[in-house]
Amino acid sequence: MLAKQQPGPRNGLPRDEVIMLIVSSSTKFDPSVFLAQAGLGRQILDLKPKETFFCQGDKADAVFYLQRGRAKLTVVSQSGKEATITILATGEFVGEESLASIAGLRLATATSVTACTALRIGRDEMVRVMHDEPVFADLFLKFLLARSMRTQADLVDQLFNSSEKRLARILLLMAEFGKPGEPEKFIPPVTQETLAEMIGTTRSRVSFFMNRFRKLGFIEYNGRIRVHKSLLNVVLLDQLPERNYEKPKLVAIA
């Protein structure tokens, strides 16, 4: 008669470690759950409009995931001139420079444009989850590639397109045209000064172009700006009624 097999080590591992391996293998990591909840090394923050996630020159010790709301990334030169780099939307990360092999200082300031909810992920926890969870590492890599492509597109836009076309592109991006799902009906509250900083022109030119877009039916605004799909014609087809659209009319002084 065969002796009954007694429970014991498996593959040379103690029984407790075998149980832990079985439990961990049956638990599937879900990035959406990880990014939605606070936990070890993770903290959920609620920010009012115009509050900062971090400031230029701060220690880069965490990555932020924007769960809700809009934010902007700005830099200030040594002479005190401020420029807006980009507008951040729900589902984006910010502060990824903290993952550099040698942690340094923040290169920009992240500020909420609307009321925001964000998950603050400490540097050590972010490094751990990227090493341990390939699904999360894949998600974060896709974000970094998308951010890199956006940065290159912004540079090309700045070098080769007219300021009016650059404004049209920024408005479309802020309305999230091109992303899955329906575009936003209204873009986040943004001043003409901020738009001018983003496209590299003056506030008066932005005002002129915005009025022109409204007269042509590309946008409408009464406190909040609503972008229509027809604005895509300016970016994709360069369709405007006149070729001298870029320069506002100058009033001669007698």
C-alpha atoms as a PDB file:
ATOM      1  CA  MET A   1       0.000   0.000   0.000  1.00  0.00           C
ATOM      2  CA  LEU A   2       1.283   3.459  -0.948  1.00  0.00           C
ATOM      3  CA  ALA A   3       1.940   5.786   1.954  1.00  0.00           C
ATOM      4  CA  LYS A   4      -0.214   8.927   2.065  1.00  0.00           C
ATOM      5  CA  GLN A   5       1.812  11.919   0.873  1.00  0.00           C
ATOM      6  CA  GLN A   6       2.324  14.439   3.625  1.00  0.00           C
ATOM      7  CA  PRO A   7       2.222  18.150   2.873  1.00  0.00           C
ATOM      8  CA  GLY A   8       5.694  19.595   2.862  1.00  0.00           C
ATOM      9  CA  PRO A   9       8.101  21.806   0.951  1.00  0.00           C
ATOM     10  CA  ARG A  10       7.466  22.384  -2.755  1.00  0.00           C
ATOM     11  CA  ASN A  11      10.457  22.785  -5.028  1.00  0.00           C
ATOM     12  CA  GLY A  12      12.569  23.206  -1.906  1.00  0.00           C
ATOM     13  CA  LEU A  13      10.510  26.190  -0.636  1.00  0.00           C
ATOM     14  CA  PRO A  14       8.956  26.349   2.847  1.00  0.00           C
ATOM     15  CA  ARG A  15       5.187  25.846   2.933  1.00  0.00           C
ATOM     16  CA  ASP A  16       4.429  29.488   3.900  1.00  0.00           C
ATOM     17  CA  GLU A  17       6.390  30.805   0.922  1.00  0.00           C
ATOM     18  CA  VAL A  18       4.602  28.368  -1.407  1.00  0.00           C
ATOM     19  CA  ILE A  19       1.235  29.716  -0.206  1.00  0.00           C
ATOM     20  CA  MET A  20       2.404  33.300  -0.785  1.00  0.00           C
ATOM     21  CA  LEU A  21       3.512  32.446  -4.324  1.00  0.00           C
ATOM     22  CA  ILE A  22       0.150  30.828  -5.111  1.00  0.00           C
ATOM     23  CA  VAL A  23      -1.766  33.847  -3.763  1.00  0.00           C
ATOM     24  CA  SER A  24       0.414  36.359  -5.620  1.00  0.00           C
ATOM     25  CA  SER A  25       0.140  34.443  -8.899  1.00  0.00           C
ATOM     26  CA  SER A  26      -3.644  34.379  -8.639  1.00  0.00           C
ATOM     27  CA  THR A  27      -3.864  38.124  -7.910  1.00  0.00           C
ATOM     28  CA  LYS A  28      -3.718  40.096 -11.129  1.00  0.00           C
ATOM     29  CA  PHE A  29      -2.319  43.620 -10.913  1.00  0.00           C
ATOM     30  CA  ASP A  30      -4.763  46.264 -12.155  1.00  0.00           C
ATOM     31  CA  PRO A  31      -3.131  49.631 -13.002  1.00  0.00           C
ATOM     32  CA  SER A  32      -6.484  51.440 -12.857  1.00  0.00           C
ATOM     33  CA  VAL A  33      -7.011  50.280  -9.276  1.00  0.00           C
ATOM     34  CA  PHE A  34      -3.443  51.206  -8.323  1.00  0.00           C
ATOM     35  CA  LEU A  35      -3.893  54.716  -9.762  1.00  0.00           C
ATOM     36  CA  ALA A  36      -7.303  55.219  -8.160  1.00  0.00           C
ATOM     37  CA  GLN A  37      -6.470  54.435  -4.545  1.00  0.00           C
ATOM     38  CA  ALA A  38      -4.133  55.663  -1.837  1.00  0.00           C
ATOM     39  CA  GLY A  39      -1.741  53.151  -0.326  1.00  0.00           C
ATOM     40  CA  LEU A  40       1.863  52.563   0.644  1.00  0.00           C
ATOM     41  CA  GLY A  41       3.820  55.423  -0.906  1.00  0.00           C
ATOM     42  CA  ARG A  42       0.654  56.850  -2.494  1.00  0.00           C
ATOM     43  CA  GLN A  43      -1.472  59.787  -1.377  1.00  0.00           C
ATOM     44  CA  ILE A  44      -4.591  61.345  -2.909  1.00  0.00           C
ATOM     45  CA  LEU A  45      -4.558  65.149  -3.042  1.00  0.00           C
ATOM     46  CA  ASP A  46      -7.394  67.584  -3.733  1.00  0.00           C
ATOM     47  CA  LEU A  47      -6.321  70.923  -5.152  1.00  0.00           C
ATOM     48  CA  LYS A  48      -8.291  74.090  -5.722  1.00  0.00           C
ATOM     49  CA  PRO A  49      -7.728  76.144  -8.893  1.00  0.00           C
ATOM     50  CA  LYS A  50      -4.323  77.868  -8.941  1.00  0.00           C
ATOM     51  CA  GLU A  51      -2.794  75.581  -6.295  1.00  0.00           C
ATOM     52  CA  THR A  52       0.584  73.998  -7.063  1.00  0.00           C
ATOM     53  CA  PHE A  53       1.523  70.332  -7.250  1.00  0.00           C
ATOM     54  CA  PHE A  54       5.180  71.350  -7.070  1.00  0.00           C
ATOM     55  CA  CYS A  55       7.321  74.380  -7.887  1.00  0.00           C
ATOM     56  CA  GLN A  56      10.348  74.883 -10.075  1.00  0.00           C
ATOM     57  CA  GLY A  57      13.429  74.220  -7.971  1.00  0.00           C
ATOM     58  CA  ASP A  58      11.702  71.859  -5.514  1.00  0.00           C
ATOM     59  CA  LYS A  59      13.191  68.441  -4.847  1.00  0.00           C
ATOM     60  CA  ALA A  60      11.949  65.943  -7.462  1.00  0.00           C
ATOM     61  CA  ASP A  61      10.752  63.161  -5.180  1.00  0.00           C
ATOM     62  CA  ALA A  62       7.365  62.065  -6.572  1.00  0.00           C
ATOM     63  CA  VAL A  63       5.264  61.526  -9.689  1.00  0.00           C
ATOM     64  CA  PHE A  64       1.678  62.796  -9.845  1.00  0.00           C
ATOM     65  CA  TYR A  65      -1.206  61.134 -11.702  1.00  0.00           C
ATOM     66  CA  LEU A  66      -4.075  63.483 -12.555  1.00  0.00           C
ATOM     67  CA  GLN A  67      -7.298  61.658 -11.666  1.00  0.00           C
ATOM     68  CA  ARG A  68      -9.578  64.614 -12.346  1.00  0.00           C
ATOM     69  CA  GLY A  69      -9.252  68.168 -13.622  1.00  0.00           C
ATOM     70  CA  ARG A  70      -6.813  70.203 -15.683  1.00  0.00           C
ATOM     71  CA  ALA A  71      -3.401  71.612 -14.812  1.00  0.00           C
ATOM     72  CA  LYS A  72      -0.621  73.510 -16.534  1.00  0.00           C
ATOM     73  CA  LEU A  73       3.161  73.249 -16.586  1.00  0.00           C
ATOM     74  CA  THR A  74       5.111  76.516 -16.546  1.00  0.00           C
ATOM     75  CA  VAL A  75       8.748  77.607 -16.391  1.00  0.00           C
ATOM     76  CA  VAL A  76      10.303  80.885 -15.281  1.00  0.00           C
ATOM     77  CA  SER A  77      13.550  82.221 -16.746  1.00  0.00           C
ATOM     78  CA  GLN A  78      16.307  83.837 -14.693  1.00  0.00           C
ATOM     79  CA  SER A  79      15.019  87.228 -15.847  1.00  0.00           C
ATOM     80  CA  GLY A  80      11.572  86.418 -14.439  1.00  0.00           C
ATOM     81  CA  LYS A  81       9.731  85.736 -17.698  1.00  0.00           C
ATOM     82  CA  GLU A  82       7.143  82.953 -17.369  1.00  0.00           C
ATOM     83  CA  ALA A  83       6.119  80.584 -20.159  1.00  0.00           C
ATOM     84  CA  THR A  84       3.411  77.913 -20.228  1.00  0.00           C
ATOM     85  CA  ILE A  85       4.773  74.647 -21.618  1.00  0.00           C
ATOM     86  CA  THR A  86       1.635  72.550 -21.787  1.00  0.00           C
ATOM     87  CA  ILE A  87      -1.852  71.964 -20.433  1.00  0.00           C
ATOM     88  CA  LEU A  88      -2.345  68.647 -18.606  1.00  0.00           C
ATOM     89  CA  ALA A  89      -5.551  66.616 -18.808  1.00  0.00           C
ATOM     90  CA  THR A  90      -7.179  63.877 -16.747  1.00  0.00           C
ATOM     91  CA  GLY A  91      -5.268  60.596 -17.059  1.00  0.00           C
ATOM     92  CA  GLU A  92      -1.825  62.159 -17.490  1.00  0.00           C
ATOM     93  CA  PHE A  93       1.289  61.929 -15.335  1.00  0.00           C
ATOM     94  CA  VAL A  94       3.424  64.892 -14.347  1.00  0.00           C
ATOM     95  CA  GLY A  95       6.755  65.080 -12.579  1.00  0.00           C
ATOM     96  CA  GLU A  96       8.308  62.082 -14.307  1.00  0.00           C
ATOM     97  CA  GLU A  97      11.749  63.714 -14.059  1.00  0.00           C
ATOM     98  CA  SER A  98      11.854  62.429 -10.477  1.00  0.00           C
ATOM     99  CA  LEU A  99      12.560  58.946 -11.888  1.00  0.00           C
ATOM    100  CA  ALA A 100      15.993  59.970 -13.143  1.00  0.00           C
ATOM    101  CA  SER A 101      18.781  57.779 -11.772  1.00  0.00           C
ATOM    102  CA  ILE A 102      20.025  60.731  -9.726  1.00  0.00           C
ATOM    103  CA  ALA A 103      17.104  62.624  -8.239  1.00  0.00           C
ATOM    104  CA  GLY A 104      17.435  66.352  -8.874  1.00  0.00           C
ATOM    105  CA  LEU A 105      15.260  69.456  -8.746  1.00  0.00           C
ATOM    106  CA  ARG A 106      12.004  70.268 -10.503  1.00  0.00           C
ATOM    107  CA  LEU A 107      12.515  71.924 -13.872  1.00  0.00           C
ATOM    108  CA  ALA A 108       9.023  73.450 -13.995  1.00  0.00           C
ATOM    109  CA  THR A 109       5.987  74.341 -11.886  1.00  0.00           C
ATOM    110  CA  ALA A 110       2.739  72.339 -12.089  1.00  0.00           C
ATOM    111  CA  THR A 111      -0.373  74.333 -11.176  1.00  0.00           C
ATOM    112  CA  SER A 112      -4.052  73.361 -11.170  1.00  0.00           C
ATOM    113  CA  VAL A 113      -6.201  75.227 -13.706  1.00  0.00           C
ATOM    114  CA  THR A 114      -9.461  73.739 -12.447  1.00  0.00           C
ATOM    115  CA  ALA A 115     -10.223  71.856  -9.229  1.00  0.00           C
ATOM    116  CA  CYS A 116      -8.055  68.731  -9.395  1.00  0.00           C
ATOM    117  CA  THR A 117      -7.731  65.361  -7.721  1.00  0.00           C
ATOM    118  CA  ALA A 118      -4.311  63.771  -8.078  1.00  0.00           C
ATOM    119  CA  LEU A 119      -2.472  60.718  -6.820  1.00  0.00           C
ATOM    120  CA  ARG A 120       0.979  61.495  -5.468  1.00  0.00           C
ATOM    121  CA  ILE A 121       3.266  58.478  -5.943  1.00  0.00           C
ATOM    122  CA  GLY A 122       6.574  58.624  -4.071  1.00  0.00           C
ATOM    123  CA  ARG A 123       9.710  58.014  -6.114  1.00  0.00           C
ATOM    124  CA  ASP A 124      10.570  54.747  -4.354  1.00  0.00           C
ATOM    125  CA  GLU A 125       7.064  53.337  -4.808  1.00  0.00           C
ATOM    126  CA  MET A 126       6.994  54.399  -8.469  1.00  0.00           C
ATOM    127  CA  VAL A 127      10.327  52.673  -9.121  1.00  0.00           C
ATOM    128  CA  ARG A 128       9.132  49.536  -7.298  1.00  0.00           C
ATOM    129  CA  VAL A 129       5.871  49.166  -9.199  1.00  0.00           C
ATOM    130  CA  MET A 130       7.597  49.735 -12.543  1.00  0.00           C
ATOM    131  CA  HIS A 131      10.088  46.964 -11.730  1.00  0.00           C
ATOM    132  CA  ASP A 132       7.542  44.529 -10.290  1.00  0.00           C
ATOM    133  CA  GLU A 133       4.521  45.079 -12.551  1.00  0.00           C
ATOM    134  CA  PRO A 134       5.184  44.877 -16.323  1.00  0.00           C
ATOM    135  CA  VAL A 135       1.604  45.955 -17.075  1.00  0.00           C
ATOM    136  CA  PHE A 136       2.128  49.238 -15.253  1.00  0.00           C
ATOM    137  CA  ALA A 137       5.576  49.731 -16.782  1.00  0.00           C
ATOM    138  CA  ASP A 138       4.022  49.269 -20.238  1.00  0.00           C
ATOM    139  CA  LEU A 139       1.301  51.832 -19.463  1.00  0.00           C
ATOM    140  CA  PHE A 140       3.821  54.386 -18.211  1.00  0.00           C
ATOM    141  CA  LEU A 141       6.115  53.820 -21.190  1.00  0.00           C
ATOM    142  CA  LYS A 142       3.223  54.490 -23.575  1.00  0.00           C
ATOM    143  CA  PHE A 143       2.530  57.731 -21.736  1.00  0.00           C
ATOM    144  CA  LEU A 144       6.181  58.803 -22.009  1.00  0.00           C
ATOM    145  CA  LEU A 145       6.223  58.060 -25.738  1.00  0.00           C
ATOM    146  CA  ALA A 146       3.004  60.023 -26.247  1.00  0.00           C
ATOM    147  CA  ARG A 147       4.458  62.938 -24.257  1.00  0.00           C
ATOM    148  CA  SER A 148       7.657  62.831 -26.346  1.00  0.00           C
ATOM    149  CA  MET A 149       5.673  62.845 -29.601  1.00  0.00           C
ATOM    150  CA  ARG A 150       3.552  65.749 -28.339  1.00  0.00           C
ATOM    151  CA  THR A 151       6.697  67.714 -27.455  1.00  0.00           C
ATOM    152  CA  GLN A 152       8.149  67.142 -30.929  1.00  0.00           C
ATOM    153  CA  ALA A 153       4.855  68.169 -32.543  1.00  0.00           C
ATOM    154  CA  ASP A 154       4.828  71.338 -30.408  1.00  0.00           C
ATOM    155  CA  LEU A 155       8.356  72.169 -31.584  1.00  0.00           C
ATOM    156  CA  VAL A 156       7.474  71.652 -35.259  1.00  0.00           C
ATOM    157  CA  ASP A 157       4.341  73.731 -34.773  1.00  0.00           C
ATOM    158  CA  GLN A 158       6.363  76.539 -33.192  1.00  0.00           C
ATOM    159  CA  LEU A 159       8.984  76.507 -35.959  1.00  0.00           C
ATOM    160  CA  PHE A 160       6.853  76.247 -39.088  1.00  0.00           C
ATOM    161  CA  ASN A 161       3.248  77.295 -38.462  1.00  0.00           C
ATOM    162  CA  SER A 162       1.721  80.748 -38.229  1.00  0.00           C
ATOM    163  CA  SER A 163       0.674  82.011 -34.812  1.00  0.00           C
ATOM    164  CA  GLU A 164      -2.989  81.785 -35.860  1.00  0.00           C
ATOM    165  CA  LYS A 165      -2.593  78.142 -36.817  1.00  0.00           C
ATOM    166  CA  ARG A 166      -0.726  77.463 -33.564  1.00  0.00           C
ATOM    167  CA  LEU A 167      -3.614  78.973 -31.619  1.00  0.00           C
ATOM    168  CA  ALA A 168      -6.112  76.785 -33.472  1.00  0.00           C
ATOM    169  CA  ARG A 169      -4.055  73.686 -32.642  1.00  0.00           C
ATOM    170  CA  ILE A 170      -3.809  74.577 -28.943  1.00  0.00           C
ATOM    171  CA  LEU A 171      -7.572  75.105 -28.712  1.00  0.00           C
ATOM    172  CA  LEU A 172      -8.218  71.734 -30.373  1.00  0.00           C
ATOM    173  CA  LEU A 173      -5.782  69.983 -28.043  1.00  0.00           C
ATOM    174  CA  MET A 174      -7.403  71.551 -25.005  1.00  0.00           C
ATOM    175  CA  ALA A 175     -10.805  70.378 -26.248  1.00  0.00           C
ATOM    176  CA  GLU A 176      -9.240  66.888 -26.598  1.00  0.00           C
ATOM    177  CA  PHE A 177     -10.014  66.465 -30.299  1.00  0.00           C
ATOM    178  CA  GLY A 178      -8.275  63.321 -31.533  1.00  0.00           C
ATOM    179  CA  LYS A 179      -8.601  61.440 -28.230  1.00  0.00           C
ATOM    180  CA  PRO A 180     -10.976  58.493 -27.806  1.00  0.00           C
ATOM    181  CA  GLY A 181     -14.528  59.510 -26.951  1.00  0.00           C
ATOM    182  CA  GLU A 182     -16.371  62.763 -27.513  1.00  0.00           C
ATOM    183  CA  PRO A 183     -14.415  66.030 -27.391  1.00  0.00           C
ATOM    184  CA  GLU A 184     -14.981  68.311 -24.416  1.00  0.00           C
ATOM    185  CA  LYS A 185     -17.765  70.836 -24.968  1.00  0.00           C
ATOM    186  CA  PHE A 186     -15.803  73.569 -23.225  1.00  0.00           C
ATOM    187  CA  ILE A 187     -12.071  73.946 -22.741  1.00  0.00           C
ATOM    188  CA  PRO A 188     -10.709  74.675 -19.231  1.00  0.00           C
ATOM    189  CA  PRO A 189     -10.706  78.309 -18.102  1.00  0.00           C
ATOM    190  CA  VAL A 190      -7.630  79.890 -19.640  1.00  0.00           C
ATOM    191  CA  THR A 191      -6.584  83.510 -20.118  1.00  0.00           C
ATOM    192  CA  GLN A 192      -5.493  85.057 -23.381  1.00  0.00           C
ATOM    193  CA  GLU A 193      -2.150  85.785 -21.721  1.00  0.00           C
ATOM    194  CA  THR A 194      -1.626  82.053 -21.118  1.00  0.00           C
ATOM    195  CA  LEU A 195      -2.591  81.229 -24.703  1.00  0.00           C
ATOM    196  CA  ALA A 196      -0.151  83.884 -25.919  1.00  0.00           C
ATOM    197  CA  GLU A 197       2.637  82.325 -23.824  1.00  0.00           C
ATOM    198  CA  MET A 198       1.903  78.883 -25.255  1.00  0.00           C
ATOM    199  CA  ILE A 199       2.047  79.925 -28.897  1.00  0.00           C
ATOM    200  CA  GLY A 200       4.755  82.579 -28.603  1.00  0.00           C
ATOM    201  CA  THR A 201       2.875  85.746 -29.498  1.00  0.00           C
ATOM    202  CA  THR A 202       1.185  88.720 -27.832  1.00  0.00           C
ATOM    203  CA  ARG A 203      -2.151  88.868 -26.039  1.00  0.00           C
ATOM    204  CA  SER A 204      -3.482  91.434 -28.563  1.00  0.00           C
ATOM    205  CA  ARG A 205      -2.833  89.026 -31.457  1.00  0.00           C
ATOM    206  CA  VAL A 206      -4.551  86.200 -29.571  1.00  0.00           C
ATOM    207  CA  SER A 207      -7.538  88.495 -28.987  1.00  0.00           C
ATOM    208  CA  PHE A 208      -7.644  89.339 -32.711  1.00  0.00           C
ATOM    209  CA  PHE A 209      -7.469  85.662 -33.741  1.00  0.00           C
ATOM    210  CA  MET A 210     -10.084  84.582 -31.175  1.00  0.00           C
ATOM    211  CA  ASN A 211     -12.518  87.216 -32.434  1.00  0.00           C
ATOM    212  CA  ARG A 212     -11.843  86.076 -35.981  1.00  0.00           C
ATOM    213  CA  PHE A 213     -12.464  82.404 -35.081  1.00  0.00           C
ATOM    214  CA  ARG A 214     -15.729  83.392 -33.410  1.00  0.00           C
ATOM    215  CA  LYS A 215     -16.943  85.389 -36.416  1.00  0.00           C
ATOM    216  CA  LEU A 216     -16.135  82.416 -38.688  1.00  0.00           C
ATOM    217  CA  GLY A 217     -18.107  80.060 -36.415  1.00  0.00           C
ATOM    218  CA  PHE A 218     -15.080  77.999 -35.348  1.00  0.00           C
ATOM    219  CA  ILE A 219     -15.553  78.786 -31.663  1.00  0.00           C
ATOM    220  CA  GLU A 220     -18.056  80.437 -29.393  1.00  0.00           C
ATOM    221  CA  TYR A 221     -17.528  81.879 -25.973  1.00  0.00           C
ATOM    222  CA  ASN A 222     -19.366  83.773 -23.332  1.00  0.00           C
ATOM    223  CA  GLY A 223     -17.116  83.342 -20.325  1.00  0.00           C
ATOM    224  CA  ARG A 224     -16.210  79.766 -21.392  1.00  0.00           C
ATOM    225  CA  ILE A 225     -14.741  78.813 -24.770  1.00  0.00           C
ATOM    226  CA  ARG A 226     -16.470  76.131 -26.842  1.00  0.00           C
ATOM    227  CA  VAL A 227     -14.520  74.701 -29.792  1.00  0.00           C
ATOM    228  CA  HIS A 228     -16.285  73.419 -32.905  1.00  0.00           C
ATOM    229  CA  LYS A 229     -14.989  70.669 -35.173  1.00  0.00           C
ATOM    230  CA  SER A 230     -14.794  73.118 -38.075  1.00  0.00           C
ATOM    231  CA  LEU A 231     -11.652  74.607 -36.466  1.00  0.00           C
ATOM    232  CA  LEU A 232      -9.841  71.484 -37.673  1.00  0.00           C
ATOM    233  CA  ASN A 233      -9.946  73.004 -41.169  1.00  0.00           C
ATOM    234  CA  VAL A 234      -7.520  75.694 -40.037  1.00  0.00           C
ATOM    235  CA  VAL A 235      -4.967  73.137 -38.841  1.00  0.00           C
ATOM    236  CA  LEU A 236      -5.421  70.308 -41.342  1.00  0.00           C
ATOM    237  CA  LEU A 237      -6.439  72.164 -44.508  1.00  0.00           C
ATOM    238  CA  ASP A 238      -5.250  75.709 -43.778  1.00  0.00           C
ATOM    239  CA  GLN A 239      -8.672  76.943 -44.828  1.00  0.00           C
ATOM    240  CA  LEU A 240      -9.212  80.592 -44.009  1.00  0.00           C
ATOM    241  CA  PRO A 241     -11.044  83.109 -46.207  1.00  0.00           C
ATOM    242  CA  GLU A 242      -8.023  85.368 -46.707  1.00  0.00           C
ATOM    243  CA  ARG A 243      -4.293  84.801 -46.976  1.00  0.00           C
ATOM    244  CA  ASN A 244      -3.381  87.878 -44.920  1.00  0.00           C
ATOM    245  CA  TYR A 245      -5.100  86.385 -41.889  1.00  0.00           C
ATOM    246  CA  GLU A 246      -2.123  86.567 -39.561  1.00  0.00           C
ATOM    247  CA  LYS A 247      -1.708  90.305 -39.143  1.00  0.00           C
ATOM    248  CA  PRO A 248      -4.251  92.435 -37.282  1.00  0.00           C
ATOM    249  CA  LYS A 249      -5.132  95.698 -38.979  1.00  0.00           C
ATOM    250  CA  LEU A 250      -2.994  98.597 -37.804  1.00  0.00           C
ATOM    251  CA  VAL A 251      -4.585 102.005 -37.267  1.00  0.00           C
ATOM    252  CA  ALA A 252      -2.585 104.861 -38.753  1.00  0.00           C
ATOM    253  CA  ILE A 253      -1.857 107.720 -36.381  1.00  0.00           C
ATOM    254  CA  ALA A 254      -2.151 111.118 -38.027  1.00  0.00           C
END
